[in-house]
Protein backbone atom coordinates (compact mmCIF):
# COMPACT_ATOMS: atom_id res chain seq x y z
CA MET A 1 20.93 21.57 -32.87
CA HIS A 2 23.50 19.98 -30.57
CA PRO A 3 22.10 17.25 -28.27
CA LEU A 4 23.37 19.03 -25.15
CA ILE A 5 21.39 22.16 -26.06
CA HIS A 6 18.29 20.04 -26.64
CA ALA A 7 18.72 18.40 -23.24
CA LEU A 8 19.18 21.73 -21.45
CA CYS A 9 16.22 23.44 -23.09
CA ASP A 10 13.95 20.47 -22.44
CA LYS A 11 14.27 21.24 -18.72
CA GLY A 12 13.17 24.87 -19.05
CA VAL A 13 14.90 28.25 -19.10
CA VAL A 14 18.65 27.97 -18.42
CA LEU A 15 20.31 30.45 -16.05
CA THR A 16 23.76 31.57 -17.14
CA ASP A 17 26.19 33.87 -15.33
CA GLY A 18 26.83 37.60 -15.07
CA ALA A 19 29.70 39.95 -15.76
CA TRP A 20 33.30 38.85 -15.35
CA GLY A 21 35.15 42.12 -15.90
CA THR A 22 32.99 43.90 -13.34
CA GLU A 23 33.66 41.22 -10.75
CA LEU A 24 37.40 41.08 -11.44
CA GLN A 25 37.58 44.87 -11.10
CA ALA A 26 35.91 44.52 -7.71
CA ARG A 27 38.80 42.20 -6.83
CA GLY A 28 41.50 44.61 -7.97
CA LEU A 29 41.72 44.44 -11.76
CA ALA A 30 42.81 47.91 -12.86
CA PRO A 31 41.03 49.84 -15.65
CA GLY A 32 42.75 48.98 -18.92
CA GLU A 33 44.39 45.87 -17.51
CA THR A 34 43.91 42.69 -19.56
CA PRO A 35 41.52 40.42 -17.59
CA ASP A 36 42.65 37.21 -19.31
CA LEU A 37 46.16 37.56 -17.86
CA TRP A 38 44.67 37.09 -14.39
CA ASN A 39 44.17 33.40 -15.21
CA LEU A 40 47.90 33.11 -14.61
CA SER A 41 48.67 35.98 -12.23
CA HIS A 42 45.57 35.88 -9.99
CA PRO A 43 43.97 32.43 -10.43
CA GLU A 44 42.32 32.52 -6.99
CA ALA A 45 40.41 35.68 -7.88
CA VAL A 46 39.28 34.28 -11.22
CA GLN A 47 38.10 31.05 -9.64
CA ALA A 48 36.31 33.04 -6.94
CA VAL A 49 34.26 34.84 -9.61
CA ALA A 50 33.28 31.55 -11.20
CA ARG A 51 32.41 30.02 -7.83
CA ALA A 52 30.28 33.02 -6.85
CA TYR A 53 28.13 32.54 -9.95
CA VAL A 54 27.71 28.82 -9.32
CA GLU A 55 26.66 29.55 -5.75
CA ALA A 56 24.19 32.17 -7.03
CA GLY A 57 22.45 29.52 -9.14
CA SER A 58 24.09 29.67 -12.56
CA GLN A 59 23.61 26.46 -14.53
CA ILE A 60 26.20 27.57 -17.09
CA ILE A 61 29.24 29.70 -16.30
CA LEU A 62 31.71 31.12 -18.78
CA THR A 63 35.49 31.39 -18.67
CA ASN A 64 37.86 34.32 -18.34
CA THR A 65 39.02 33.91 -21.95
CA PHE A 66 36.99 36.58 -23.78
CA GLY A 67 40.08 38.37 -25.06
CA ALA A 68 42.41 35.38 -25.19
CA ASN A 69 42.82 35.19 -28.96
CA ARG A 70 46.17 35.90 -30.58
CA PHE A 71 45.14 39.38 -31.80
CA ARG A 72 43.91 40.69 -28.47
CA LEU A 73 46.79 39.17 -26.52
CA ALA A 74 49.30 40.71 -28.94
CA GLU A 75 48.11 44.11 -27.71
CA CYS A 76 49.64 43.34 -24.32
CA GLU A 77 52.54 41.30 -25.73
CA ALA A 78 51.16 38.04 -24.33
CA GLU A 79 50.34 36.14 -27.53
CA ASP A 80 53.08 33.61 -26.76
CA ARG A 81 51.10 32.60 -23.65
CA MET A 82 47.81 32.20 -25.49
CA ALA A 83 47.50 28.44 -25.02
CA GLU A 84 48.43 28.64 -21.34
CA ILE A 85 45.93 31.44 -20.67
CA ASN A 86 43.06 29.61 -22.37
CA ARG A 87 43.79 26.29 -20.68
CA ALA A 88 43.94 27.98 -17.29
CA GLY A 89 40.66 29.80 -17.96
CA VAL A 90 38.81 26.55 -18.57
CA ALA A 91 40.47 24.78 -15.65
CA LEU A 92 39.56 27.53 -13.18
CA SER A 93 35.90 27.59 -14.20
CA LYS A 94 35.70 23.78 -14.27
CA ALA A 95 37.13 23.58 -10.76
CA ALA A 96 34.58 26.11 -9.52
CA ALA A 97 31.68 24.46 -11.33
CA GLY A 98 32.31 20.91 -10.19
CA LYS A 99 29.15 18.94 -10.87
CA ASP A 100 26.88 21.92 -10.20
CA ALA A 101 27.22 23.78 -13.51
CA LEU A 102 28.45 23.43 -17.07
CA VAL A 103 31.33 25.50 -18.43
CA PHE A 104 30.93 27.21 -21.79
CA ALA A 105 34.18 28.88 -22.80
CA SER A 106 34.08 32.51 -23.92
CA MET A 107 35.48 33.63 -27.28
CA GLY A 108 35.34 37.35 -28.03
CA PRO A 109 35.95 39.27 -31.26
CA SER A 110 39.40 39.78 -32.71
CA GLY A 111 39.29 43.55 -32.43
CA LYS A 112 40.13 43.72 -36.14
CA LEU A 113 37.89 44.69 -39.06
CA ILE A 114 37.75 42.58 -42.21
CA MET A 115 36.17 45.36 -44.26
CA SER A 116 38.99 47.81 -43.55
CA GLY A 117 41.71 45.28 -44.33
CA ASP A 118 42.97 45.03 -40.75
CA VAL A 119 42.87 41.25 -41.02
CA SER A 120 42.16 38.60 -43.64
CA GLU A 121 39.49 35.93 -43.36
CA ASP A 122 42.22 33.28 -43.34
CA GLU A 123 44.00 34.98 -40.45
CA LEU A 124 40.75 35.16 -38.49
CA ARG A 125 40.01 31.52 -39.25
CA GLU A 126 43.41 30.46 -37.96
CA ALA A 127 43.08 32.52 -34.79
CA PHE A 128 39.57 31.32 -33.91
CA THR A 129 40.44 27.71 -34.73
CA GLU A 130 43.51 27.93 -32.52
CA GLN A 131 41.55 29.24 -29.54
CA ALA A 132 38.54 26.96 -30.01
CA GLN A 133 40.66 23.84 -30.18
CA ILE A 134 42.56 24.75 -27.01
CA LEU A 135 39.36 25.51 -25.10
CA ALA A 136 37.78 22.25 -26.24
CA ALA A 137 40.88 20.23 -25.35
CA GLY A 138 40.84 21.88 -21.93
CA GLY A 139 37.45 20.36 -21.19
CA ALA A 140 34.91 23.08 -22.02
CA ASP A 141 31.34 21.81 -22.33
CA GLY A 142 30.46 24.37 -24.99
CA LEU A 143 31.72 27.54 -26.68
CA VAL A 144 30.18 31.02 -26.54
CA ILE A 145 31.21 33.41 -29.30
CA GLU A 146 30.04 36.67 -27.77
CA THR A 147 29.89 40.44 -28.18
CA MET A 148 30.23 40.19 -31.96
CA GLN A 149 29.60 43.21 -34.18
CA ASP A 150 30.29 41.78 -37.64
CA ILE A 151 28.28 38.85 -38.99
CA ALA A 152 31.15 37.97 -41.33
CA GLU A 153 33.56 37.60 -38.42
CA ALA A 154 30.96 35.68 -36.42
CA ARG A 155 30.46 33.19 -39.24
CA ILE A 156 34.20 32.49 -39.38
CA ALA A 157 34.27 31.97 -35.61
CA ILE A 158 31.26 29.64 -35.80
CA ALA A 159 32.95 27.41 -38.36
CA ALA A 160 36.06 27.21 -36.18
CA ALA A 161 34.03 26.44 -33.05
CA LYS A 162 31.82 23.84 -34.70
CA ALA A 163 34.88 21.88 -35.79
CA THR A 164 35.41 20.99 -32.12
CA GLY A 165 32.11 19.12 -31.95
CA LEU A 166 30.97 21.22 -28.97
CA PRO A 167 27.69 23.16 -28.88
CA VAL A 168 28.15 26.69 -30.18
CA VAL A 169 26.38 29.81 -28.89
CA VAL A 170 26.78 33.10 -30.79
CA THR A 171 25.65 36.51 -29.58
CA MET A 172 25.79 39.91 -31.25
CA VAL A 173 25.72 43.46 -29.86
CA PHE A 174 22.77 45.69 -30.74
CA ASP A 175 23.73 49.22 -29.75
CA SER A 176 23.27 51.28 -32.92
CA GLY A 177 20.47 52.90 -34.90
CA LYS A 178 17.59 55.13 -33.80
CA HIS A 179 16.07 52.37 -31.69
CA PHE A 180 19.33 50.63 -30.71
CA ASP A 181 18.24 47.59 -32.70
CA ARG A 182 21.17 47.43 -35.12
CA THR A 183 24.71 46.14 -34.81
CA MET A 184 27.61 48.49 -35.40
CA MET A 185 27.58 47.25 -39.01
CA GLY A 186 23.88 48.06 -39.36
CA ALA A 187 22.48 44.52 -39.23
CA THR A 188 18.98 43.97 -37.84
CA PRO A 189 18.01 41.14 -35.49
CA GLU A 190 16.40 39.38 -38.46
CA GLN A 191 19.57 39.64 -40.53
CA VAL A 192 21.67 38.49 -37.61
CA ALA A 193 19.42 35.49 -36.98
CA ALA A 194 19.50 34.47 -40.63
CA GLY A 195 23.27 34.75 -40.82
CA LEU A 196 24.00 32.89 -37.59
CA VAL A 197 21.50 30.11 -38.29
CA ALA A 198 22.90 29.62 -41.79
CA ALA A 199 26.39 29.39 -40.31
CA GLY A 200 25.29 26.57 -38.02
CA ALA A 201 25.01 28.17 -34.59
CA ASP A 202 23.19 25.98 -32.06
CA VAL A 203 22.02 29.00 -30.05
CA ILE A 204 21.79 32.63 -31.16
CA GLY A 205 21.33 35.76 -29.13
CA ALA A 206 22.46 39.16 -27.95
CA ASN A 207 24.61 40.52 -25.16
CA CYS A 208 26.06 43.80 -23.90
CA GLY A 209 25.34 47.13 -25.60
CA GLN A 210 22.40 48.32 -23.51
CA GLY A 211 20.20 47.67 -20.51
CA ILE A 212 17.76 44.82 -20.17
CA ALA A 213 14.65 46.82 -21.15
CA GLY A 214 15.99 47.17 -24.69
CA PHE A 215 16.47 43.43 -24.97
CA VAL A 216 12.77 42.59 -24.83
CA ALA A 217 12.04 43.63 -28.41
CA ILE A 218 15.40 42.35 -29.67
CA CYS A 219 14.78 38.95 -28.09
CA ALA A 220 11.33 38.70 -29.66
CA ARG A 221 12.68 39.56 -33.11
CA LEU A 222 15.57 37.11 -32.80
CA GLN A 223 13.25 34.36 -31.60
CA ALA A 224 10.83 34.91 -34.49
CA ALA A 225 13.65 34.57 -37.02
CA ALA A 226 15.69 31.86 -35.27
CA GLU A 227 14.19 28.88 -37.12
CA GLY A 228 13.80 26.95 -33.90
CA ARG A 229 17.17 27.79 -32.37
CA PRO A 230 17.05 28.83 -28.71
CA VAL A 231 17.81 32.46 -27.87
CA TRP A 232 20.52 33.51 -25.38
CA ILE A 233 20.20 36.93 -23.71
CA LYS A 234 22.73 38.69 -21.45
CA ALA A 235 21.96 42.37 -20.90
CA ASN A 236 23.95 45.07 -19.16
CA ALA A 237 22.86 46.65 -15.88
CA GLY A 238 21.74 49.73 -17.77
CA LEU A 239 24.11 52.15 -19.48
CA PRO A 240 27.32 53.07 -17.66
CA GLN A 241 28.41 56.45 -16.35
CA MET A 242 32.12 57.15 -16.02
CA HIS A 243 33.35 58.08 -12.55
CA ASP A 244 37.08 58.45 -11.85
CA GLY A 245 37.88 56.41 -14.95
CA LYS A 246 35.56 53.55 -14.01
CA ALA A 247 32.27 52.52 -15.58
CA VAL A 248 29.49 52.67 -12.99
CA TYR A 249 26.12 51.02 -13.64
CA ALA A 250 23.09 52.52 -11.87
CA MET A 251 20.60 49.65 -12.29
CA GLY A 252 20.31 47.36 -9.32
CA ALA A 253 19.62 43.64 -9.19
CA ALA A 254 15.97 44.04 -8.14
CA GLU A 255 15.17 46.46 -10.98
CA PHE A 256 16.91 44.15 -13.45
CA ALA A 257 14.94 41.14 -12.21
CA GLU A 258 11.64 42.99 -12.65
CA ILE A 259 12.19 43.03 -16.43
CA VAL A 260 13.28 39.39 -16.69
CA PRO A 261 9.71 38.04 -17.09
CA ALA A 262 9.22 40.23 -20.17
CA VAL A 263 12.44 38.87 -21.71
CA LEU A 264 11.32 35.33 -20.99
CA ALA A 265 7.91 36.05 -22.54
CA ALA A 266 9.75 37.34 -25.61
CA GLY A 267 11.31 33.91 -26.05
CA ALA A 268 14.62 33.73 -24.19
CA SER A 269 15.75 30.17 -23.41
CA PHE A 270 19.05 31.17 -21.79
CA ILE A 271 19.31 34.26 -19.59
CA GLY A 272 22.00 35.94 -17.53
CA GLY A 273 23.75 39.29 -17.30
CA CYS A 274 26.57 41.21 -18.93
CA CYS A 275 28.49 44.35 -17.92
CA GLY A 276 27.64 45.71 -14.50
CA THR A 277 25.82 42.59 -13.31
CA SER A 278 26.96 40.43 -10.42
CA PRO A 279 26.03 37.30 -8.46
CA ASP A 280 23.26 39.36 -6.85
CA PHE A 281 21.69 39.81 -10.29
CA ILE A 282 21.91 36.07 -10.92
CA ARG A 283 20.23 35.39 -7.57
CA GLY A 284 17.48 37.79 -8.59
CA ILE A 285 16.93 36.01 -11.91
CA HIS A 286 17.01 32.66 -10.12
CA ALA A 287 14.21 33.86 -7.83
CA VAL A 288 12.13 34.87 -10.85
CA LEU A 289 12.68 31.51 -12.54
CA HIS A 290 11.67 29.60 -9.40
CA ALA A 291 8.82 31.81 -8.20
CA GLY A 292 5.88 29.66 -7.17
CA LYS A 293 7.81 26.40 -7.42
């Protein structure tokens, strides 16, 4: 395990941040618009999101670079600005964090499927290596490979990220199966843990896909199979309902915070929020973590 992860976990549960897309939409990002492009077109708004999470108590914030790999940016004809977008994403979060929080740069999936022949493993390796190296050179303190559905793709991303020497967090989405405890590819938490640990992840976990109540059992199963790796959990604010083309999440910050102790008891070492969460949710988790202190 990376020394930085050891040092963080030795101090107790680590509070991460909440949703970025939700917060950017609140600041004017249109449905279907590529959030990563705002690093260049609306840097003040992006930095404001990062700053809001730091002020809410986040010890680690991410970057607005989830979809800033060459494949995702090609969808909006911005692949030629990939390096610029990633560098700006790190710089904006670092400026907001100052000395109050660490910045772990976000790397999302390619949007391509290996099994269907959409992309080769070599092409994925090149794309993830390209992004990871730029994020590391920009000053990121760690890398978070998140919202992964395919263990094979995650393993390729891990190898690329580990080559930077930074700590590497990897999280998968569990939103399939009768009990919503499978990835889209059918992998169980135990299979995910085994695959990510074998690939060298410093931290494993789950994000997105469902509300926080469903993460209690998933966290416990990941923790039991993690071979000593810490577990990172970022749940949604429930399941969304579509209203006027926008995803609306019904769960509030107080209700979310009520379930946090159960997730912590299940073994989470890093906790935050995903889609639909906000700085209010982070403040609620912060209150739980510091109750009685």
